[in-house]
Amino acid sequence: MRQHVNPLSRIHQQPRPLPPPAQLFAQPSRPLHLDIGCARGRFLLALAPLQSGWNHLGLEIRRPLVAAAEADRIAAELSNLHFLYCNANVSLEAWLAALPQGLLQRVSIQFPDPWFKTKHHKRRVLQPALLRAIATALAPGSCLFLQSDVLAVITPMVAQCESCGWFERPAADGRPWRAANPLPLPTERELQVLAKGLPVYRVLYQRNGATVPPQAAPPPL
């Protein structure tokens, strides 16, 4: 069962300064994979040993899950993996803006909380400002991978990515959905959905060379 946390609650609207890669990883210059909404972290705990030439960072808004994932990471002595507690739509933009250009090579958002009610759509993770920050931090050719088992959730995510002009799908990928996961491991949620014979909707994007224009300043009060 999903344990929903309201990202718009006061406690989750407080910005949290996130440590730079040099404080998170033994070799911070390695290419970085950012997994937004990593939950209990088991996907990254399995992926980090397989892709030891990468650094992997999992972000999650549910603090107890982060604590449990970090405990497992420490026990496994994985120096190329870290988990952080934060609200990505509050704390991640400044962190991404401070990254060395080219360090962030892959971003994944997998099975995000659906927030089905229309009035709750503003709680969904991929908001326009976050997408802009991701696009700014990703170098051309880097990847953004999205997947969900809820068509009503991934459809607006795809619409945002395709309307902004900063991403393209690989020519060989199927339409409207990619048939296979490009990562070497599935998430727990993915395995559960596939075991029930239900579809998983996947899209892989590559950052193109389009410039992300500066964000317009808010109008004066």
N, C-alpha and C. Protein backbone atom coordinates (compact mmCIF):
# COMPACT_ATOMS: atom_id res chain seq x y z
N MET A 1 0.84 -1.19 0.00
CA MET A 1 0.00 0.00 0.00
C MET A 1 0.88 1.25 0.00
N ARG A 2 0.47 2.25 -0.78
CA ARG A 2 1.19 3.52 -0.78
C ARG A 2 0.87 4.28 0.50
N GLN A 3 1.89 4.83 1.11
CA GLN A 3 1.70 5.68 2.28
C GLN A 3 1.87 7.12 1.83
N HIS A 4 0.75 7.77 1.57
CA HIS A 4 0.80 9.11 1.00
C HIS A 4 1.26 10.13 2.03
N VAL A 5 2.04 11.08 1.58
CA VAL A 5 2.46 12.23 2.35
C VAL A 5 2.10 13.46 1.55
N ASN A 6 1.42 14.39 2.15
CA ASN A 6 1.02 15.60 1.44
C ASN A 6 2.23 16.52 1.27
N PRO A 7 2.76 16.68 0.07
CA PRO A 7 3.95 17.52 -0.11
C PRO A 7 3.69 19.00 0.09
N LEU A 8 2.41 19.39 0.14
CA LEU A 8 2.07 20.80 0.33
C LEU A 8 1.85 21.15 1.80
N SER A 9 1.97 20.18 2.69
CA SER A 9 1.83 20.49 4.10
C SER A 9 2.99 21.37 4.55
N ARG A 10 2.77 22.10 5.63
CA ARG A 10 3.76 23.10 6.06
C ARG A 10 5.13 22.49 6.31
N ILE A 11 5.17 21.33 6.93
CA ILE A 11 6.46 20.74 7.27
C ILE A 11 7.27 20.39 6.03
N HIS A 12 6.59 20.03 4.95
CA HIS A 12 7.29 19.65 3.73
C HIS A 12 7.53 20.83 2.79
N GLN A 13 7.08 22.01 3.17
CA GLN A 13 7.33 23.20 2.37
C GLN A 13 8.55 23.97 2.88
N GLN A 14 9.20 23.47 3.90
CA GLN A 14 10.42 24.11 4.40
C GLN A 14 11.61 23.64 3.58
N PRO A 15 12.33 24.56 2.92
CA PRO A 15 13.50 24.13 2.12
C PRO A 15 14.55 23.47 2.99
N ARG A 16 15.16 22.44 2.45
CA ARG A 16 16.24 21.74 3.12
C ARG A 16 17.50 21.84 2.26
N PRO A 17 18.57 22.42 2.77
CA PRO A 17 19.81 22.43 1.99
C PRO A 17 20.35 21.01 1.85
N LEU A 18 20.62 20.60 0.62
CA LEU A 18 21.10 19.25 0.35
C LEU A 18 22.62 19.27 0.19
N PRO A 19 23.32 18.28 0.73
CA PRO A 19 24.79 18.26 0.63
C PRO A 19 25.24 18.14 -0.83
N PRO A 20 26.35 18.74 -1.17
CA PRO A 20 26.90 18.59 -2.53
C PRO A 20 27.45 17.18 -2.73
N PRO A 21 27.64 16.77 -3.99
CA PRO A 21 28.15 15.41 -4.25
C PRO A 21 29.43 15.08 -3.51
N ALA A 22 30.30 16.07 -3.29
CA ALA A 22 31.56 15.79 -2.60
C ALA A 22 31.35 15.30 -1.18
N GLN A 23 30.21 15.63 -0.60
CA GLN A 23 29.90 15.16 0.75
C GLN A 23 29.08 13.87 0.77
N LEU A 24 28.66 13.43 -0.40
CA LEU A 24 27.79 12.25 -0.48
C LEU A 24 28.50 11.00 -0.97
N PHE A 25 29.51 11.19 -1.84
CA PHE A 25 30.09 10.05 -2.55
C PHE A 25 31.61 10.04 -2.41
N ALA A 26 32.18 8.82 -2.41
CA ALA A 26 33.63 8.68 -2.30
C ALA A 26 34.33 9.25 -3.53
N GLN A 27 33.70 9.10 -4.70
CA GLN A 27 34.26 9.63 -5.94
C GLN A 27 33.19 10.50 -6.61
N PRO A 28 33.08 11.74 -6.20
CA PRO A 28 31.96 12.58 -6.63
C PRO A 28 31.96 12.98 -8.10
N SER A 29 33.05 12.75 -8.82
CA SER A 29 33.09 13.12 -10.24
C SER A 29 32.47 12.08 -11.15
N ARG A 30 32.08 10.94 -10.61
CA ARG A 30 31.43 9.91 -11.44
C ARG A 30 30.08 10.43 -11.96
N PRO A 31 29.61 9.90 -13.08
CA PRO A 31 28.28 10.29 -13.56
C PRO A 31 27.22 9.98 -12.51
N LEU A 32 26.23 10.86 -12.44
CA LEU A 32 25.23 10.80 -11.36
C LEU A 32 23.87 10.38 -11.91
N HIS A 33 23.27 9.43 -11.22
CA HIS A 33 21.88 9.01 -11.46
C HIS A 33 21.04 9.49 -10.28
N LEU A 34 20.02 10.27 -10.57
CA LEU A 34 19.11 10.81 -9.55
C LEU A 34 17.77 10.12 -9.68
N ASP A 35 17.34 9.44 -8.62
CA ASP A 35 16.05 8.75 -8.60
C ASP A 35 15.13 9.51 -7.66
N ILE A 36 14.12 10.17 -8.21
CA ILE A 36 13.22 11.02 -7.44
C ILE A 36 12.02 10.20 -6.99
N GLY A 37 11.82 10.11 -5.69
CA GLY A 37 10.75 9.28 -5.14
C GLY A 37 11.18 7.84 -5.03
N CYS A 38 12.31 7.61 -4.35
CA CYS A 38 12.92 6.28 -4.33
C CYS A 38 12.28 5.33 -3.34
N ALA A 39 11.32 5.81 -2.53
CA ALA A 39 10.62 4.97 -1.55
C ALA A 39 11.63 4.33 -0.59
N ARG A 40 11.52 3.04 -0.38
CA ARG A 40 12.37 2.32 0.58
C ARG A 40 13.80 2.13 0.08
N GLY A 41 14.03 2.42 -1.21
CA GLY A 41 15.38 2.42 -1.76
C GLY A 41 15.90 1.09 -2.24
N ARG A 42 15.09 0.05 -2.25
CA ARG A 42 15.61 -1.28 -2.60
C ARG A 42 16.08 -1.34 -4.05
N PHE A 43 15.43 -0.58 -4.94
CA PHE A 43 15.88 -0.55 -6.33
C PHE A 43 17.31 -0.04 -6.43
N LEU A 44 17.60 1.09 -5.80
CA LEU A 44 18.96 1.65 -5.86
C LEU A 44 19.95 0.80 -5.08
N LEU A 45 19.53 0.20 -3.99
CA LEU A 45 20.42 -0.68 -3.23
C LEU A 45 20.89 -1.86 -4.08
N ALA A 46 20.03 -2.32 -5.00
CA ALA A 46 20.43 -3.40 -5.90
C ALA A 46 21.18 -2.88 -7.12
N LEU A 47 20.85 -1.67 -7.57
CA LEU A 47 21.46 -1.13 -8.78
C LEU A 47 22.89 -0.64 -8.54
N ALA A 48 23.15 -0.02 -7.40
CA ALA A 48 24.46 0.59 -7.15
C ALA A 48 25.62 -0.40 -7.31
N PRO A 49 25.52 -1.63 -6.79
CA PRO A 49 26.63 -2.57 -7.01
C PRO A 49 26.78 -2.98 -8.47
N LEU A 50 25.67 -3.01 -9.21
CA LEU A 50 25.73 -3.39 -10.63
C LEU A 50 26.35 -2.28 -11.47
N GLN A 51 26.06 -1.04 -11.14
CA GLN A 51 26.59 0.09 -11.88
C GLN A 51 27.54 0.86 -10.96
N SER A 52 28.65 0.21 -10.66
CA SER A 52 29.59 0.76 -9.68
C SER A 52 30.37 1.96 -10.22
N GLY A 53 30.33 2.18 -11.53
CA GLY A 53 30.98 3.34 -12.10
C GLY A 53 30.14 4.60 -12.06
N TRP A 54 28.94 4.48 -11.53
CA TRP A 54 28.03 5.61 -11.37
C TRP A 54 27.87 5.93 -9.89
N ASN A 55 27.48 7.17 -9.59
CA ASN A 55 26.93 7.53 -8.29
C ASN A 55 25.41 7.56 -8.40
N HIS A 56 24.73 7.13 -7.35
CA HIS A 56 23.27 7.05 -7.35
C HIS A 56 22.74 7.80 -6.13
N LEU A 57 21.79 8.68 -6.36
CA LEU A 57 21.18 9.45 -5.27
C LEU A 57 19.67 9.25 -5.30
N GLY A 58 19.13 8.76 -4.19
CA GLY A 58 17.69 8.58 -4.07
C GLY A 58 17.09 9.64 -3.17
N LEU A 59 16.04 10.30 -3.65
CA LEU A 59 15.33 11.31 -2.86
C LEU A 59 13.94 10.78 -2.52
N GLU A 60 13.52 11.03 -1.29
CA GLU A 60 12.22 10.54 -0.83
C GLU A 60 11.67 11.50 0.22
N ILE A 61 10.35 11.73 0.17
CA ILE A 61 9.70 12.66 1.09
C ILE A 61 9.28 11.99 2.39
N ARG A 62 9.28 10.66 2.44
CA ARG A 62 8.89 9.93 3.65
C ARG A 62 10.15 9.61 4.46
N ARG A 63 10.35 10.36 5.52
CA ARG A 63 11.60 10.30 6.29
C ARG A 63 11.91 8.89 6.81
N PRO A 64 10.94 8.14 7.36
CA PRO A 64 11.29 6.80 7.86
C PRO A 64 11.83 5.87 6.78
N LEU A 65 11.35 6.01 5.55
CA LEU A 65 11.87 5.17 4.47
C LEU A 65 13.31 5.53 4.15
N VAL A 66 13.63 6.83 4.21
CA VAL A 66 15.00 7.26 3.96
C VAL A 66 15.93 6.71 5.04
N ALA A 67 15.50 6.79 6.29
CA ALA A 67 16.33 6.28 7.39
C ALA A 67 16.61 4.79 7.21
N ALA A 68 15.60 4.02 6.83
CA ALA A 68 15.78 2.58 6.65
C ALA A 68 16.71 2.30 5.46
N ALA A 69 16.52 3.04 4.37
CA ALA A 69 17.37 2.84 3.19
C ALA A 69 18.82 3.19 3.49
N GLU A 70 19.03 4.30 4.21
CA GLU A 70 20.40 4.70 4.56
C GLU A 70 21.06 3.66 5.46
N ALA A 71 20.30 3.08 6.37
CA ALA A 71 20.86 2.04 7.23
C ALA A 71 21.34 0.85 6.40
N ASP A 72 20.54 0.47 5.42
CA ASP A 72 20.94 -0.65 4.55
C ASP A 72 22.15 -0.27 3.71
N ARG A 73 22.21 0.97 3.23
CA ARG A 73 23.35 1.41 2.42
C ARG A 73 24.64 1.35 3.23
N ILE A 74 24.57 1.83 4.46
CA ILE A 74 25.76 1.82 5.31
C ILE A 74 26.20 0.39 5.61
N ALA A 75 25.23 -0.48 5.89
CA ALA A 75 25.56 -1.88 6.17
C ALA A 75 26.21 -2.55 4.96
N ALA A 76 25.77 -2.17 3.76
CA ALA A 76 26.31 -2.75 2.54
C ALA A 76 27.60 -2.08 2.09
N GLU A 77 28.00 -1.00 2.78
CA GLU A 77 29.24 -0.26 2.47
C GLU A 77 29.26 0.20 1.01
N LEU A 78 28.16 0.81 0.59
CA LEU A 78 28.06 1.31 -0.78
C LEU A 78 28.42 2.78 -0.79
N SER A 79 29.61 3.08 -1.26
CA SER A 79 30.09 4.47 -1.26
C SER A 79 29.63 5.25 -2.49
N ASN A 80 28.97 4.58 -3.43
CA ASN A 80 28.46 5.26 -4.63
C ASN A 80 26.95 5.45 -4.57
N LEU A 81 26.39 5.39 -3.36
CA LEU A 81 24.94 5.50 -3.18
C LEU A 81 24.67 6.35 -1.95
N HIS A 82 23.60 7.15 -2.03
CA HIS A 82 23.16 7.91 -0.86
C HIS A 82 21.67 8.15 -0.99
N PHE A 83 21.01 8.27 0.15
CA PHE A 83 19.59 8.59 0.20
C PHE A 83 19.41 9.87 1.01
N LEU A 84 18.50 10.75 0.54
CA LEU A 84 18.24 12.00 1.24
C LEU A 84 16.74 12.21 1.38
N TYR A 85 16.36 12.76 2.52
CA TYR A 85 14.97 13.14 2.77
C TYR A 85 14.77 14.58 2.32
N CYS A 86 13.78 14.80 1.47
CA CYS A 86 13.41 16.16 1.08
C CYS A 86 12.15 16.12 0.23
N ASN A 87 11.56 17.27 0.04
CA ASN A 87 10.50 17.48 -0.94
C ASN A 87 11.19 17.98 -2.21
N ALA A 88 11.18 17.18 -3.25
CA ALA A 88 11.93 17.51 -4.46
C ALA A 88 11.50 18.85 -5.06
N ASN A 89 10.22 19.19 -4.92
CA ASN A 89 9.73 20.42 -5.51
C ASN A 89 10.06 21.66 -4.68
N VAL A 90 10.64 21.45 -3.52
CA VAL A 90 11.03 22.57 -2.65
C VAL A 90 12.55 22.71 -2.56
N SER A 91 13.24 21.59 -2.46
CA SER A 91 14.67 21.62 -2.14
C SER A 91 15.59 21.25 -3.29
N LEU A 92 15.06 20.68 -4.36
CA LEU A 92 15.95 20.11 -5.37
C LEU A 92 16.46 21.13 -6.38
N GLU A 93 15.68 22.16 -6.68
CA GLU A 93 16.06 23.08 -7.75
C GLU A 93 17.39 23.76 -7.48
N ALA A 94 17.59 24.27 -6.27
CA ALA A 94 18.84 24.95 -5.94
C ALA A 94 20.01 23.97 -6.00
N TRP A 95 19.80 22.74 -5.57
CA TRP A 95 20.86 21.73 -5.59
C TRP A 95 21.26 21.40 -7.03
N LEU A 96 20.27 21.24 -7.90
CA LEU A 96 20.57 20.97 -9.30
C LEU A 96 21.31 22.12 -9.95
N ALA A 97 20.93 23.34 -9.61
CA ALA A 97 21.57 24.51 -10.21
C ALA A 97 23.04 24.61 -9.83
N ALA A 98 23.41 24.03 -8.69
CA ALA A 98 24.79 24.11 -8.22
C ALA A 98 25.66 22.97 -8.72
N LEU A 99 25.09 21.98 -9.39
CA LEU A 99 25.88 20.84 -9.87
C LEU A 99 26.84 21.27 -10.98
N PRO A 100 28.02 20.69 -11.03
CA PRO A 100 28.90 20.90 -12.18
C PRO A 100 28.22 20.43 -13.46
N GLN A 101 28.34 21.20 -14.51
CA GLN A 101 27.69 20.86 -15.76
C GLN A 101 28.18 19.51 -16.27
N GLY A 102 27.26 18.66 -16.65
CA GLY A 102 27.61 17.35 -17.18
C GLY A 102 27.66 16.23 -16.16
N LEU A 103 27.60 16.57 -14.86
CA LEU A 103 27.67 15.53 -13.84
C LEU A 103 26.40 14.68 -13.81
N LEU A 104 25.25 15.32 -13.90
CA LEU A 104 23.97 14.61 -13.88
C LEU A 104 23.72 13.97 -15.24
N GLN A 105 23.70 12.66 -15.27
CA GLN A 105 23.57 11.93 -16.53
C GLN A 105 22.23 11.20 -16.67
N ARG A 106 21.54 11.00 -15.56
CA ARG A 106 20.27 10.25 -15.65
C ARG A 106 19.38 10.63 -14.49
N VAL A 107 18.10 10.87 -14.80
CA VAL A 107 17.07 11.12 -13.81
C VAL A 107 15.95 10.12 -14.03
N SER A 108 15.48 9.51 -12.97
CA SER A 108 14.35 8.58 -13.08
C SER A 108 13.27 8.98 -12.09
N ILE A 109 12.02 8.89 -12.56
CA ILE A 109 10.84 9.08 -11.72
C ILE A 109 9.96 7.87 -11.98
N GLN A 110 9.87 6.97 -11.01
CA GLN A 110 9.24 5.68 -11.24
C GLN A 110 8.08 5.46 -10.28
N PHE A 111 6.90 5.27 -10.85
CA PHE A 111 5.69 4.98 -10.09
C PHE A 111 5.43 6.02 -9.00
N PRO A 112 5.35 7.29 -9.40
CA PRO A 112 5.10 8.33 -8.39
C PRO A 112 3.70 8.22 -7.82
N ASP A 113 3.50 8.80 -6.63
CA ASP A 113 2.17 8.80 -6.02
C ASP A 113 1.17 9.43 -7.00
N PRO A 114 0.02 8.79 -7.20
CA PRO A 114 -0.88 9.24 -8.28
C PRO A 114 -1.69 10.48 -7.98
N TRP A 115 -2.12 10.68 -6.74
CA TRP A 115 -2.97 11.84 -6.41
C TRP A 115 -4.08 12.00 -7.46
N PHE A 116 -5.04 11.10 -7.40
CA PHE A 116 -6.04 10.99 -8.45
C PHE A 116 -6.98 12.19 -8.54
N LYS A 117 -7.40 12.76 -7.41
CA LYS A 117 -8.37 13.85 -7.45
C LYS A 117 -7.80 15.08 -8.16
N THR A 118 -8.61 15.73 -8.96
CA THR A 118 -8.15 16.89 -9.71
C THR A 118 -7.57 17.96 -8.79
N LYS A 119 -8.20 18.19 -7.65
CA LYS A 119 -7.72 19.23 -6.74
C LYS A 119 -6.38 18.87 -6.11
N HIS A 120 -5.96 17.59 -6.23
CA HIS A 120 -4.69 17.14 -5.68
C HIS A 120 -3.59 17.04 -6.72
N HIS A 121 -3.87 17.37 -7.97
CA HIS A 121 -2.85 17.22 -9.01
C HIS A 121 -1.63 18.09 -8.73
N LYS A 122 -1.82 19.20 -8.03
CA LYS A 122 -0.68 20.06 -7.69
C LYS A 122 0.26 19.40 -6.69
N ARG A 123 -0.13 18.26 -6.14
CA ARG A 123 0.74 17.50 -5.24
C ARG A 123 1.63 16.53 -6.01
N ARG A 124 1.38 16.32 -7.28
CA ARG A 124 2.17 15.38 -8.05
C ARG A 124 3.60 15.88 -8.19
N VAL A 125 4.53 14.94 -8.36
CA VAL A 125 5.93 15.29 -8.23
C VAL A 125 6.47 16.10 -9.40
N LEU A 126 6.07 15.78 -10.63
CA LEU A 126 6.67 16.46 -11.78
C LEU A 126 5.91 17.74 -12.09
N GLN A 127 6.27 18.79 -11.38
CA GLN A 127 5.71 20.12 -11.61
C GLN A 127 6.60 20.87 -12.60
N PRO A 128 6.07 21.90 -13.28
CA PRO A 128 6.84 22.59 -14.33
C PRO A 128 8.19 23.13 -13.86
N ALA A 129 8.26 23.69 -12.67
CA ALA A 129 9.52 24.25 -12.20
C ALA A 129 10.57 23.16 -12.00
N LEU A 130 10.15 22.00 -11.52
CA LEU A 130 11.10 20.90 -11.33
C LEU A 130 11.58 20.37 -12.68
N LEU A 131 10.68 20.25 -13.64
CA LEU A 131 11.09 19.81 -14.97
C LEU A 131 12.10 20.77 -15.58
N ARG A 132 11.88 22.06 -15.40
CA ARG A 132 12.82 23.06 -15.90
C ARG A 132 14.19 22.88 -15.25
N ALA A 133 14.22 22.65 -13.94
CA ALA A 133 15.48 22.48 -13.23
C ALA A 133 16.20 21.22 -13.69
N ILE A 134 15.46 20.15 -13.92
CA ILE A 134 16.06 18.91 -14.42
C ILE A 134 16.65 19.14 -15.81
N ALA A 135 15.89 19.78 -16.68
CA ALA A 135 16.37 20.03 -18.04
C ALA A 135 17.61 20.90 -18.04
N THR A 136 17.67 21.87 -17.15
CA THR A 136 18.83 22.76 -17.07
C THR A 136 20.07 22.00 -16.62
N ALA A 137 19.89 21.06 -15.69
CA ALA A 137 21.04 20.33 -15.15
C ALA A 137 21.53 19.21 -16.05
N LEU A 138 20.64 18.64 -16.86
CA LEU A 138 21.04 17.54 -17.74
C LEU A 138 21.77 18.06 -18.97
N ALA A 139 22.90 17.47 -19.27
CA ALA A 139 23.64 17.80 -20.49
C ALA A 139 22.97 17.12 -21.69
N PRO A 140 23.15 17.65 -22.89
CA PRO A 140 22.60 16.99 -24.08
C PRO A 140 23.03 15.52 -24.15
N GLY A 141 22.05 14.68 -24.47
CA GLY A 141 22.29 13.24 -24.54
C GLY A 141 22.00 12.50 -23.25
N SER A 142 21.89 13.22 -22.13
CA SER A 142 21.54 12.58 -20.86
C SER A 142 20.08 12.17 -20.85
N CYS A 143 19.71 11.33 -19.89
CA CYS A 143 18.41 10.66 -19.95
C CYS A 143 17.47 11.06 -18.82
N LEU A 144 16.19 11.09 -19.16
CA LEU A 144 15.10 11.21 -18.20
C LEU A 144 14.17 10.04 -18.44
N PHE A 145 14.01 9.18 -17.43
CA PHE A 145 13.19 7.98 -17.56
C PHE A 145 11.98 8.08 -16.65
N LEU A 146 10.80 7.88 -17.23
CA LEU A 146 9.54 7.94 -16.50
C LEU A 146 8.81 6.62 -16.65
N GLN A 147 8.22 6.13 -15.56
CA GLN A 147 7.33 4.98 -15.70
C GLN A 147 6.30 4.98 -14.59
N SER A 148 5.12 4.42 -14.93
CA SER A 148 4.01 4.35 -14.00
C SER A 148 3.07 3.24 -14.45
N ASP A 149 2.27 2.77 -13.52
CA ASP A 149 1.22 1.82 -13.88
C ASP A 149 -0.13 2.52 -13.97
N VAL A 150 -0.14 3.84 -13.86
CA VAL A 150 -1.38 4.62 -13.90
C VAL A 150 -1.33 5.54 -15.12
N LEU A 151 -2.14 5.25 -16.10
CA LEU A 151 -2.11 6.02 -17.34
C LEU A 151 -2.43 7.49 -17.10
N ALA A 152 -3.36 7.75 -16.18
CA ALA A 152 -3.75 9.14 -15.91
C ALA A 152 -2.65 9.93 -15.23
N VAL A 153 -1.65 9.26 -14.69
CA VAL A 153 -0.52 9.93 -14.05
C VAL A 153 0.58 10.21 -15.05
N ILE A 154 0.92 9.22 -15.86
CA ILE A 154 2.07 9.41 -16.75
C ILE A 154 1.71 10.25 -17.98
N THR A 155 0.44 10.26 -18.37
CA THR A 155 0.07 11.03 -19.56
C THR A 155 0.39 12.52 -19.41
N PRO A 156 0.04 13.19 -18.31
CA PRO A 156 0.44 14.60 -18.18
C PRO A 156 1.93 14.79 -18.00
N MET A 157 2.64 13.81 -17.45
CA MET A 157 4.09 13.90 -17.37
C MET A 157 4.70 13.92 -18.77
N VAL A 158 4.19 13.04 -19.63
CA VAL A 158 4.66 13.00 -21.01
C VAL A 158 4.30 14.30 -21.73
N ALA A 159 3.10 14.81 -21.50
CA ALA A 159 2.69 16.05 -22.16
C ALA A 159 3.62 17.20 -21.79
N GLN A 160 4.01 17.28 -20.51
CA GLN A 160 4.95 18.32 -20.09
C GLN A 160 6.28 18.19 -20.81
N CYS A 161 6.81 16.98 -20.84
CA CYS A 161 8.13 16.76 -21.44
C CYS A 161 8.13 17.05 -22.94
N GLU A 162 7.04 16.73 -23.60
CA GLU A 162 7.02 16.89 -25.04
C GLU A 162 6.65 18.30 -25.46
N SER A 163 5.99 19.04 -24.60
CA SER A 163 5.62 20.41 -24.95
C SER A 163 6.72 21.41 -24.62
N CYS A 164 7.64 21.07 -23.71
CA CYS A 164 8.66 22.02 -23.30
C CYS A 164 9.73 22.21 -24.36
N GLY A 165 9.95 21.19 -25.21
CA GLY A 165 10.93 21.32 -26.27
C GLY A 165 12.35 20.97 -25.88
N TRP A 166 12.58 20.46 -24.65
CA TRP A 166 13.94 20.19 -24.17
C TRP A 166 14.31 18.72 -24.23
N PHE A 167 13.36 17.85 -24.59
CA PHE A 167 13.60 16.42 -24.59
C PHE A 167 13.10 15.79 -25.88
N GLU A 168 13.73 14.67 -26.23
CA GLU A 168 13.31 13.89 -27.40
C GLU A 168 13.36 12.41 -27.04
N ARG A 169 12.49 11.64 -27.68
CA ARG A 169 12.54 10.19 -27.49
C ARG A 169 13.51 9.58 -28.49
N PRO A 170 14.26 8.54 -28.07
CA PRO A 170 15.09 7.83 -29.05
C PRO A 170 14.24 7.32 -30.20
N ALA A 171 14.76 7.43 -31.40
CA ALA A 171 13.98 7.08 -32.59
C ALA A 171 13.52 5.62 -32.57
N ALA A 172 14.31 4.75 -31.97
CA ALA A 172 13.99 3.32 -31.99
C ALA A 172 12.94 2.93 -30.97
N ASP A 173 12.58 3.82 -30.05
CA ASP A 173 11.62 3.46 -29.02
C ASP A 173 10.22 3.35 -29.58
N GLY A 174 9.44 2.44 -29.00
CA GLY A 174 8.06 2.29 -29.41
C GLY A 174 7.21 3.47 -29.00
N ARG A 175 6.08 3.64 -29.68
CA ARG A 175 5.13 4.70 -29.37
C ARG A 175 3.76 4.07 -29.12
N PRO A 176 2.97 4.55 -28.19
CA PRO A 176 3.28 5.67 -27.31
C PRO A 176 4.17 5.29 -26.13
N TRP A 177 4.37 3.97 -25.91
CA TRP A 177 5.11 3.55 -24.71
C TRP A 177 6.26 2.66 -25.09
N ARG A 178 7.31 2.77 -24.32
CA ARG A 178 8.48 1.92 -24.51
C ARG A 178 8.16 0.52 -24.00
N ALA A 179 8.58 -0.50 -24.73
CA ALA A 179 8.22 -1.87 -24.36
C ALA A 179 9.01 -2.38 -23.16
N ALA A 180 10.27 -1.97 -23.03
CA ALA A 180 11.12 -2.54 -22.00
C ALA A 180 11.74 -1.44 -21.14
N ASN A 181 12.08 -1.80 -19.93
CA ASN A 181 12.77 -0.91 -19.02
C ASN A 181 14.23 -0.79 -19.47
N PRO A 182 14.75 0.42 -19.69
CA PRO A 182 16.16 0.55 -20.12
C PRO A 182 17.16 0.31 -19.00
N LEU A 183 16.70 0.30 -17.75
CA LEU A 183 17.59 0.05 -16.63
C LEU A 183 17.73 -1.45 -16.40
N PRO A 184 18.83 -1.88 -15.81
CA PRO A 184 19.07 -3.33 -15.70
C PRO A 184 18.23 -4.03 -14.65
N LEU A 185 17.51 -3.27 -13.82
CA LEU A 185 16.71 -3.86 -12.76
C LEU A 185 15.33 -3.21 -12.71
N PRO A 186 14.28 -3.97 -12.39
CA PRO A 186 12.97 -3.38 -12.16
C PRO A 186 12.83 -2.93 -10.71
N THR A 187 11.89 -2.03 -10.48
CA THR A 187 11.55 -1.66 -9.10
C THR A 187 10.60 -2.72 -8.51
N GLU A 188 10.43 -2.66 -7.20
CA GLU A 188 9.48 -3.57 -6.55
C GLU A 188 8.08 -3.38 -7.11
N ARG A 189 7.68 -2.13 -7.26
CA ARG A 189 6.35 -1.84 -7.78
C ARG A 189 6.19 -2.41 -9.20
N GLU A 190 7.21 -2.27 -9.99
CA GLU A 190 7.16 -2.79 -11.35
C GLU A 190 6.94 -4.30 -11.35
N LEU A 191 7.67 -5.01 -10.52
CA LEU A 191 7.50 -6.46 -10.44
C LEU A 191 6.09 -6.84 -9.99
N GLN A 192 5.54 -6.09 -9.03
CA GLN A 192 4.20 -6.38 -8.55
C GLN A 192 3.16 -6.19 -9.66
N VAL A 193 3.31 -5.11 -10.40
CA VAL A 193 2.35 -4.82 -11.47
C VAL A 193 2.44 -5.87 -12.57
N LEU A 194 3.65 -6.20 -12.99
CA LEU A 194 3.82 -7.18 -14.06
C LEU A 194 3.35 -8.56 -13.64
N ALA A 195 3.52 -8.89 -12.35
CA ALA A 195 3.07 -10.20 -11.86
C ALA A 195 1.55 -10.35 -11.94
N LYS A 196 0.85 -9.22 -11.90
CA LYS A 196 -0.60 -9.23 -12.03
C LYS A 196 -1.06 -9.19 -13.48
N GLY A 197 -0.12 -9.15 -14.41
CA GLY A 197 -0.46 -9.08 -15.82
C GLY A 197 -0.95 -7.71 -16.26
N LEU A 198 -0.62 -6.68 -15.49
CA LEU A 198 -1.07 -5.32 -15.80
C LEU A 198 0.01 -4.56 -16.54
N PRO A 199 -0.36 -3.52 -17.30
CA PRO A 199 0.64 -2.80 -18.09
C PRO A 199 1.46 -1.82 -17.26
N VAL A 200 2.69 -1.60 -17.71
CA VAL A 200 3.55 -0.55 -17.20
C VAL A 200 3.81 0.40 -18.35
N TYR A 201 3.58 1.69 -18.12
CA TYR A 201 3.75 2.71 -19.15
C TYR A 201 5.10 3.38 -18.95
N ARG A 202 5.98 3.25 -19.94
CA ARG A 202 7.36 3.73 -19.83
C ARG A 202 7.69 4.69 -20.96
N VAL A 203 8.45 5.71 -20.63
CA VAL A 203 8.96 6.63 -21.64
C VAL A 203 10.39 7.00 -21.27
N LEU A 204 11.28 6.91 -22.24
CA LEU A 204 12.67 7.34 -22.07
C LEU A 204 12.89 8.59 -22.92
N TYR A 205 13.41 9.64 -22.29
CA TYR A 205 13.73 10.87 -23.00
C TYR A 205 15.23 11.11 -22.96
N GLN A 206 15.72 11.75 -24.00
CA GLN A 206 17.10 12.24 -24.02
C GLN A 206 17.06 13.76 -24.10
N ARG A 207 17.91 14.38 -23.33
CA ARG A 207 18.01 15.83 -23.36
C ARG A 207 18.58 16.26 -24.69
N ASN A 208 17.88 17.15 -25.38
CA ASN A 208 18.39 17.66 -26.65
C ASN A 208 19.22 18.92 -26.39
N GLY A 209 19.58 19.61 -27.46
CA GLY A 209 20.45 20.77 -27.30
C GLY A 209 19.73 22.08 -27.11
N ALA A 210 18.41 22.05 -26.97
CA ALA A 210 17.65 23.29 -26.82
C ALA A 210 18.01 23.99 -25.50
N THR A 211 18.14 25.29 -25.58
CA THR A 211 18.47 26.07 -24.40
C THR A 211 17.23 26.27 -23.54
N VAL A 212 17.39 26.11 -22.24
CA VAL A 212 16.30 26.40 -21.30
C VAL A 212 16.38 27.90 -20.98
N PRO A 213 15.38 28.68 -21.37
CA PRO A 213 15.47 30.13 -21.13
C PRO A 213 15.36 30.43 -19.65
N PRO A 214 15.91 31.56 -19.21
CA PRO A 214 15.77 31.94 -17.80
C PRO A 214 14.31 32.05 -17.41
N GLN A 215 14.04 31.67 -16.19
CA GLN A 215 12.67 31.73 -15.71
C GLN A 215 12.27 33.19 -15.50
N ALA A 216 11.09 33.55 -15.97
CA ALA A 216 10.61 34.91 -15.83
C ALA A 216 10.43 35.27 -14.37
N ALA A 217 10.80 36.48 -14.02
CA ALA A 217 10.61 36.96 -12.65
C ALA A 217 9.13 37.16 -12.38
N PRO A 218 8.67 36.90 -11.16
CA PRO A 218 7.27 37.10 -10.83
C PRO A 218 6.90 38.57 -10.96
N PRO A 219 5.65 38.87 -11.31
CA PRO A 219 5.24 40.27 -11.44
C PRO A 219 5.31 40.99 -10.10
N PRO A 220 5.60 42.27 -10.08
CA PRO A 220 5.65 43.02 -8.80
C PRO A 220 4.30 43.05 -8.13
N LEU A 221 4.32 43.09 -6.82
CA LEU A 221 3.07 43.13 -6.06
C LEU A 221 2.44 44.52 -6.13
